[in-house]
Amino acid sequence: MARVTYGSLITKLTGSIAGTTFQQNFSGSIARSKPNKIINPSNLLGSKQLDLAVLVSQWNQLTSSQKSGWNSLASSYSHSDPWGNVKKISGFQWFMSNNLNLTAINAGRIGDAPAYLLPPPPPSYSLLFQATQLLIQFSESYDPSPYTLIIYATPPVRTTSSKSRIAVFIIDFGSIPSGAGLDISSQYEVKFGYSLAQLLTFTYFTIVTRLCVIDPVTGFRSAYALNVSANNPAWISNQTVNTYPSPAVASVYIIWGDGSSDTFSISGVWAYSHNYSDAGPHSVSFAVSWSGGSEGWGGSFFGNVGHVIIHVVSTPLP
């Protein structure tokens, strides 16, 4: 870095010339060499860079008529990104956008500009942490055909904002829901290494998911359907108010927020889980009592969950 003193002929320089950048900082006017960062891309980044390079080459190989078609698309329609933001882009950018969408679902690239028609976004949905499946539960029966459904997700994170732009990763595409539900347990485990059993033991986290569809013929992409689902914290109640040394048998009464209830007896360390048919919010309350002893009430839990676990310890006093 060197300080620069200007004279009567040259009073200011900005920008870069032959690798030297002229700028202002707290020291005044300076000149420094442009940094030459060495980037070693990951396999994923390298693959994306290759896709971009190939598409740029293919654009240059298009005929004048084909380029004119993309430019006509650009002049007639604004581009809407998956967040619903609308702006004008060039014909080249339309070509890149549609073909990158097709690349994401392993569909063939196109050279001719298609007729403008955006696919409808998927319906609203919840992500349920069920005992045997991590379930995308749509608000209605849903079949994305003839479009290709893409599922994005995060590993367990802390955010609770639906406006968060936190990075998500493609975990699956092309799956067809069964009615209104789609189990993504295996896809999630393959991508992030967390089994469903592990997820159900974690507390106070969220998973952000996004869904969209892509037309496999044209490359047009829908807006996102978005969900931020929180696993319930493990609701733990250590009941040690049994007044008798033995036996340590407790009567348990649970009222679930969906109208169902359970009554039974337990001893020792006990855990009981319940699946809701939707993602809530739900409440749950329970009472534990011992013959001739005391009674302990739990509270109520409300949350966007489909699966809740209650832990109770029933042991005799020493």
Protein backbone atom coordinates (compact mmCIF):
# COMPACT_ATOMS: atom_id res chain seq x y z
CA MET A 1 0.00 0.00 0.00
CA ALA A 2 1.22 3.51 -0.79
CA ARG A 3 -0.11 6.99 -0.02
CA VAL A 4 -0.93 9.11 -3.04
CA THR A 5 -0.49 12.89 -3.34
CA TYR A 6 -2.44 14.57 -6.14
CA GLY A 7 -1.35 17.72 -7.97
CA SER A 8 -2.96 20.36 -10.12
CA LEU A 9 -3.44 18.07 -13.14
CA ILE A 10 -4.76 14.96 -11.39
CA THR A 11 -6.91 15.66 -8.36
CA LYS A 12 -8.56 12.29 -7.80
CA LEU A 13 -8.42 8.68 -8.96
CA THR A 14 -10.91 5.93 -8.18
CA GLY A 15 -11.16 2.38 -9.43
CA SER A 16 -8.42 0.05 -10.66
CA ILE A 17 -5.72 0.34 -13.29
CA ALA A 18 -3.48 -2.60 -14.24
CA GLY A 19 -4.06 -4.36 -10.93
CA THR A 20 -3.66 -1.23 -8.76
CA THR A 21 -6.70 0.10 -6.91
CA PHE A 22 -7.03 3.78 -5.94
CA GLN A 23 -9.26 4.49 -2.98
CA GLN A 24 -9.83 6.52 0.18
CA ASN A 25 -9.43 5.29 3.76
CA PHE A 26 -8.67 6.86 7.13
CA SER A 27 -5.09 7.53 5.97
CA GLY A 28 -6.29 9.57 3.01
CA SER A 29 -5.75 8.72 -0.66
CA ILE A 30 -4.01 5.38 -1.16
CA ALA A 31 -3.07 2.92 -3.90
CA ARG A 32 -2.89 -0.81 -3.31
CA SER A 33 -2.58 -3.97 -5.35
CA LYS A 34 -5.87 -5.73 -5.99
CA PRO A 35 -6.11 -8.88 -3.87
CA ASN A 36 -5.88 -12.13 -5.76
CA LYS A 37 -7.72 -14.62 -3.60
CA ILE A 38 -7.14 -18.28 -4.27
CA ILE A 39 -10.42 -20.15 -4.03
CA ASN A 40 -10.50 -23.91 -3.79
CA PRO A 41 -14.14 -24.72 -4.53
CA SER A 42 -15.89 -27.66 -2.93
CA ASN A 43 -17.24 -30.41 -5.17
CA LEU A 44 -20.70 -28.84 -4.97
CA LEU A 45 -19.46 -25.33 -5.75
CA GLY A 46 -17.23 -26.64 -8.54
CA SER A 47 -20.20 -28.47 -10.07
CA LYS A 48 -22.32 -25.30 -10.00
CA GLN A 49 -19.53 -23.26 -11.54
CA LEU A 50 -19.24 -25.84 -14.32
CA ASP A 51 -23.00 -25.68 -14.94
CA LEU A 52 -22.77 -21.89 -15.29
CA ALA A 53 -19.82 -22.12 -17.68
CA VAL A 54 -21.59 -24.71 -19.84
CA LEU A 55 -24.75 -22.60 -20.05
CA VAL A 56 -22.80 -19.47 -21.00
CA SER A 57 -21.17 -21.48 -23.79
CA GLN A 58 -24.56 -22.80 -24.93
CA TRP A 59 -26.00 -19.27 -25.02
CA ASN A 60 -23.18 -18.23 -27.34
CA GLN A 61 -24.06 -21.13 -29.63
CA LEU A 62 -27.74 -20.14 -29.97
CA THR A 63 -28.97 -18.80 -33.28
CA SER A 64 -30.00 -15.17 -33.66
CA SER A 65 -33.61 -16.32 -33.83
CA GLN A 66 -33.31 -18.22 -30.54
CA LYS A 67 -31.68 -15.28 -28.78
CA SER A 68 -34.38 -13.02 -30.14
CA GLY A 69 -36.99 -15.32 -28.58
CA TRP A 70 -35.41 -15.00 -25.13
CA ASN A 71 -35.06 -11.23 -25.55
CA SER A 72 -38.73 -11.04 -26.51
CA LEU A 73 -39.62 -12.99 -23.34
CA ALA A 74 -37.55 -10.51 -21.32
CA SER A 75 -39.24 -7.47 -22.87
CA SER A 76 -42.74 -8.89 -22.36
CA TYR A 77 -42.52 -10.27 -18.82
CA SER A 78 -40.84 -9.44 -15.52
CA HIS A 79 -39.03 -12.17 -13.66
CA SER A 80 -40.45 -13.31 -10.30
CA ASP A 81 -38.06 -15.08 -7.92
CA PRO A 82 -39.26 -17.78 -5.47
CA TRP A 83 -39.80 -15.10 -2.79
CA GLY A 84 -42.20 -13.18 -5.02
CA ASN A 85 -39.80 -10.34 -5.81
CA VAL A 86 -40.35 -9.03 -9.34
CA LYS A 87 -37.79 -7.32 -11.56
CA LYS A 88 -36.83 -6.97 -15.21
CA ILE A 89 -34.00 -9.18 -16.45
CA SER A 90 -32.37 -9.72 -19.83
CA GLY A 91 -33.01 -12.50 -22.32
CA PHE A 92 -29.65 -14.03 -21.40
CA GLN A 93 -30.66 -14.03 -17.72
CA TRP A 94 -33.99 -15.71 -18.56
CA PHE A 95 -32.09 -18.38 -20.48
CA MET A 96 -29.76 -18.97 -17.55
CA SER A 97 -32.57 -18.98 -14.96
CA ASN A 98 -34.81 -21.48 -16.72
CA ASN A 99 -31.97 -23.80 -17.62
CA LEU A 100 -30.48 -23.72 -14.11
CA ASN A 101 -33.92 -24.70 -12.82
CA LEU A 102 -33.96 -27.62 -15.25
CA THR A 103 -30.45 -28.60 -14.18
CA ALA A 104 -31.61 -28.71 -10.53
CA ILE A 105 -34.10 -31.48 -11.37
CA ASN A 106 -31.84 -33.29 -13.90
CA ALA A 107 -34.06 -32.30 -16.82
CA GLY A 108 -32.81 -31.51 -20.31
CA ARG A 109 -31.76 -27.95 -21.15
CA ILE A 110 -33.67 -25.89 -23.70
CA GLY A 111 -32.52 -23.50 -26.42
CA ASP A 112 -35.83 -22.02 -27.54
CA ALA A 113 -37.65 -19.60 -25.24
CA PRO A 114 -40.90 -21.20 -23.97
CA ALA A 115 -44.29 -19.54 -23.68
CA TYR A 116 -44.55 -17.74 -20.36
CA LEU A 117 -46.53 -19.72 -17.74
CA LEU A 118 -45.50 -19.98 -14.09
CA PRO A 119 -46.51 -23.14 -12.19
CA PRO A 120 -48.78 -22.64 -9.15
CA PRO A 121 -46.96 -22.91 -5.79
CA PRO A 122 -47.58 -25.94 -3.55
CA PRO A 123 -50.37 -25.53 -0.96
CA SER A 124 -49.63 -24.53 2.63
CA TYR A 125 -48.32 -27.32 4.84
CA SER A 126 -46.94 -28.24 8.26
CA LEU A 127 -43.94 -30.36 9.18
CA LEU A 128 -44.89 -32.94 11.79
CA PHE A 129 -42.44 -34.69 14.09
CA GLN A 130 -44.30 -38.00 14.30
CA ALA A 131 -43.09 -41.08 16.17
CA THR A 132 -42.28 -42.97 12.97
CA GLN A 133 -41.98 -40.28 10.31
CA LEU A 134 -40.98 -36.69 9.63
CA LEU A 135 -44.11 -35.77 7.75
CA ILE A 136 -44.93 -32.91 5.40
CA GLN A 137 -48.66 -32.53 5.96
CA PHE A 138 -50.37 -30.46 3.26
CA SER A 139 -53.51 -28.50 3.98
CA GLU A 140 -55.21 -30.43 1.18
CA SER A 141 -54.67 -33.51 -0.94
CA TYR A 142 -51.87 -32.58 -3.33
CA ASP A 143 -50.37 -33.99 -6.51
CA PRO A 144 -47.70 -31.74 -8.08
CA SER A 145 -47.92 -33.44 -11.50
CA PRO A 146 -47.04 -32.50 -14.20
CA TYR A 147 -44.53 -30.37 -12.33
CA THR A 148 -41.52 -31.56 -10.32
CA LEU A 149 -41.68 -30.90 -6.59
CA ILE A 150 -38.44 -29.74 -4.90
CA ILE A 151 -38.03 -30.04 -1.12
CA TYR A 152 -35.53 -27.83 0.69
CA ALA A 153 -34.67 -28.10 4.39
CA THR A 154 -32.22 -26.95 7.02
CA PRO A 155 -30.50 -29.03 9.67
CA PRO A 156 -31.83 -28.34 13.20
CA VAL A 157 -31.50 -24.56 13.75
CA ARG A 158 -32.67 -21.93 16.23
CA THR A 159 -34.54 -19.46 14.03
CA THR A 160 -38.29 -19.06 14.42
CA SER A 161 -38.83 -16.45 11.73
CA SER A 162 -40.65 -17.38 8.54
CA LYS A 163 -38.82 -14.47 6.86
CA SER A 164 -35.41 -15.91 7.58
CA ARG A 165 -33.18 -16.29 4.52
CA ILE A 166 -31.12 -18.97 6.26
CA ALA A 167 -29.47 -21.38 3.83
CA VAL A 168 -31.53 -24.41 2.92
CA PHE A 169 -30.48 -27.49 0.98
CA ILE A 170 -32.27 -29.64 -1.56
CA ILE A 171 -33.05 -32.94 0.15
CA ASP A 172 -35.36 -34.43 -2.50
CA PHE A 173 -37.14 -33.71 -5.75
CA GLY A 174 -39.72 -35.55 -7.80
CA SER A 175 -41.45 -37.34 -4.90
CA ILE A 176 -45.24 -37.64 -5.09
CA PRO A 177 -47.19 -37.15 -1.83
CA SER A 178 -49.55 -39.87 -0.69
CA GLY A 179 -52.76 -37.91 -0.40
CA ALA A 180 -51.95 -34.95 1.83
CA GLY A 181 -48.77 -36.36 3.40
CA LEU A 182 -45.15 -36.90 2.37
CA ASP A 183 -42.67 -38.70 4.66
CA ILE A 184 -39.19 -37.14 4.33
CA SER A 185 -37.49 -39.03 7.19
CA SER A 186 -35.02 -40.98 5.07
CA GLN A 187 -34.19 -38.01 2.81
CA TYR A 188 -33.50 -35.84 5.85
CA GLU A 189 -31.24 -38.43 7.45
CA VAL A 190 -29.26 -38.97 4.25
CA LYS A 191 -28.70 -35.21 3.81
CA PHE A 192 -27.93 -34.17 7.38
CA GLY A 193 -27.09 -37.39 9.23
CA TYR A 194 -29.84 -37.03 11.86
CA SER A 195 -32.21 -39.94 12.32
CA LEU A 196 -35.81 -39.34 13.34
CA ALA A 197 -35.09 -40.98 16.70
CA GLN A 198 -32.32 -38.44 17.30
CA LEU A 199 -34.52 -35.50 16.30
CA LEU A 200 -37.18 -36.54 18.77
CA THR A 201 -34.66 -36.40 21.62
CA PHE A 202 -33.46 -32.88 20.75
CA THR A 203 -35.10 -29.88 22.39
CA TYR A 204 -35.78 -26.30 21.36
CA PHE A 205 -34.92 -26.33 17.68
CA THR A 206 -36.64 -25.67 14.39
CA ILE A 207 -36.42 -27.02 10.87
CA VAL A 208 -37.06 -24.58 8.04
CA THR A 209 -38.48 -26.15 4.90
CA ARG A 210 -39.35 -24.66 1.54
CA LEU A 211 -41.21 -26.25 -1.34
CA CYS A 212 -41.56 -25.20 -4.93
CA VAL A 213 -42.28 -26.84 -8.27
CA ILE A 214 -40.48 -26.58 -11.59
CA ASP A 215 -41.98 -27.21 -14.99
CA PRO A 216 -39.68 -29.95 -16.39
CA VAL A 217 -40.44 -28.84 -19.94
CA THR A 218 -40.05 -25.05 -19.74
CA GLY A 219 -37.92 -24.52 -16.62
CA PHE A 220 -40.34 -22.02 -15.12
CA ARG A 221 -40.41 -22.14 -11.32
CA SER A 222 -43.17 -21.44 -8.82
CA ALA A 223 -43.02 -19.30 -5.70
CA TYR A 224 -42.07 -20.96 -2.41
CA ALA A 225 -44.41 -22.53 0.08
CA LEU A 226 -42.60 -22.03 3.40
CA ASN A 227 -42.79 -23.54 6.86
CA VAL A 228 -40.86 -23.16 10.12
CA SER A 229 -41.66 -26.12 12.40
CA ALA A 230 -40.46 -26.51 15.96
CA ASN A 231 -39.95 -29.81 17.69
CA ASN A 232 -41.53 -29.77 21.13
CA PRO A 233 -39.18 -29.58 24.07
CA ALA A 234 -39.24 -32.87 25.96
CA TRP A 235 -41.76 -32.08 28.66
CA ILE A 236 -40.20 -33.61 31.75
CA SER A 237 -41.99 -34.11 35.05
CA ASN A 238 -40.10 -35.80 37.85
CA GLN A 239 -42.78 -37.01 40.24
CA THR A 240 -41.20 -37.93 43.59
CA VAL A 241 -44.09 -37.21 45.95
CA ASN A 242 -45.00 -40.83 46.64
CA THR A 243 -45.35 -41.07 50.45
CA TYR A 244 -44.93 -44.84 50.63
CA PRO A 245 -41.54 -46.63 50.45
CA SER A 246 -43.15 -49.33 48.31
CA PRO A 247 -44.73 -50.16 46.01
CA ALA A 248 -43.97 -47.28 43.61
CA VAL A 249 -47.04 -47.73 41.43
CA ALA A 250 -48.62 -44.53 40.15
CA SER A 251 -51.91 -43.87 38.38
CA VAL A 252 -51.52 -41.61 35.36
CA TYR A 253 -54.25 -39.64 33.62
CA ILE A 254 -53.40 -37.70 30.45
CA ILE A 255 -55.65 -35.34 28.51
CA TRP A 256 -54.36 -34.66 25.00
CA GLY A 257 -55.27 -31.49 23.14
CA ASP A 258 -57.11 -33.32 20.39
CA GLY A 259 -59.83 -34.64 22.71
CA SER A 260 -58.35 -38.06 23.44
CA SER A 261 -57.19 -39.23 26.86
CA ASP A 262 -55.26 -42.12 28.43
CA THR A 263 -55.43 -43.70 31.90
CA PHE A 264 -53.03 -46.39 33.15
CA SER A 265 -50.64 -47.38 35.95
CA ILE A 266 -46.85 -47.22 35.84
CA SER A 267 -43.82 -47.79 38.03
CA GLY A 268 -40.19 -46.81 37.68
CA VAL A 269 -39.09 -44.51 34.87
CA TRP A 270 -41.73 -44.08 32.23
CA ALA A 271 -42.11 -42.26 28.91
CA TYR A 272 -45.27 -41.93 26.86
CA SER A 273 -45.68 -40.33 23.46
CA HIS A 274 -48.64 -39.22 21.42
CA ASN A 275 -49.09 -38.31 17.76
CA TYR A 276 -51.38 -35.48 16.72
CA SER A 277 -52.97 -35.48 13.29
CA ASP A 278 -51.81 -31.93 12.56
CA ALA A 279 -49.18 -29.50 13.74
CA GLY A 280 -51.18 -27.64 16.35
CA PRO A 281 -50.91 -25.62 18.39
CA HIS A 282 -51.88 -28.30 20.90
CA SER A 283 -52.14 -28.60 24.64
CA VAL A 284 -51.49 -31.57 26.88
CA SER A 285 -52.00 -31.99 30.62
CA PHE A 286 -51.56 -34.92 32.98
CA ALA A 287 -51.98 -35.96 36.59
CA VAL A 288 -50.02 -38.57 38.53
CA SER A 289 -51.24 -39.95 41.87
CA TRP A 290 -50.31 -42.67 44.34
CA SER A 291 -52.71 -44.58 46.55
CA GLY A 292 -52.68 -42.87 49.93
CA GLY A 293 -50.12 -40.39 48.71
CA SER A 294 -49.98 -37.08 46.91
CA GLU A 295 -51.06 -35.96 43.48
CA GLY A 296 -48.93 -34.00 41.03
CA TRP A 297 -50.30 -32.08 38.06
CA GLY A 298 -48.39 -31.21 34.94
CA GLY A 299 -49.09 -28.04 33.03
CA SER A 300 -50.09 -27.32 29.46
CA PHE A 301 -47.79 -27.28 26.48
CA PHE A 302 -48.65 -25.38 23.31
CA GLY A 303 -46.57 -25.74 20.19
CA ASN A 304 -46.44 -26.38 16.47
CA VAL A 305 -45.84 -30.09 16.94
CA GLY A 306 -47.28 -33.40 15.89
CA HIS A 307 -45.49 -35.53 18.47
CA VAL A 308 -45.08 -34.97 22.20
CA ILE A 309 -43.30 -37.03 24.85
CA ILE A 310 -43.97 -37.01 28.59
CA HIS A 311 -41.47 -38.44 31.08
CA VAL A 312 -42.51 -39.49 34.58
CA VAL A 313 -40.42 -41.01 37.37
CA SER A 314 -42.34 -42.95 40.02
CA THR A 315 -39.97 -44.20 42.72
CA PRO A 316 -40.47 -44.82 46.47
CA LEU A 317 -39.01 -42.42 48.95
CA PRO A 318 -35.98 -43.76 50.86
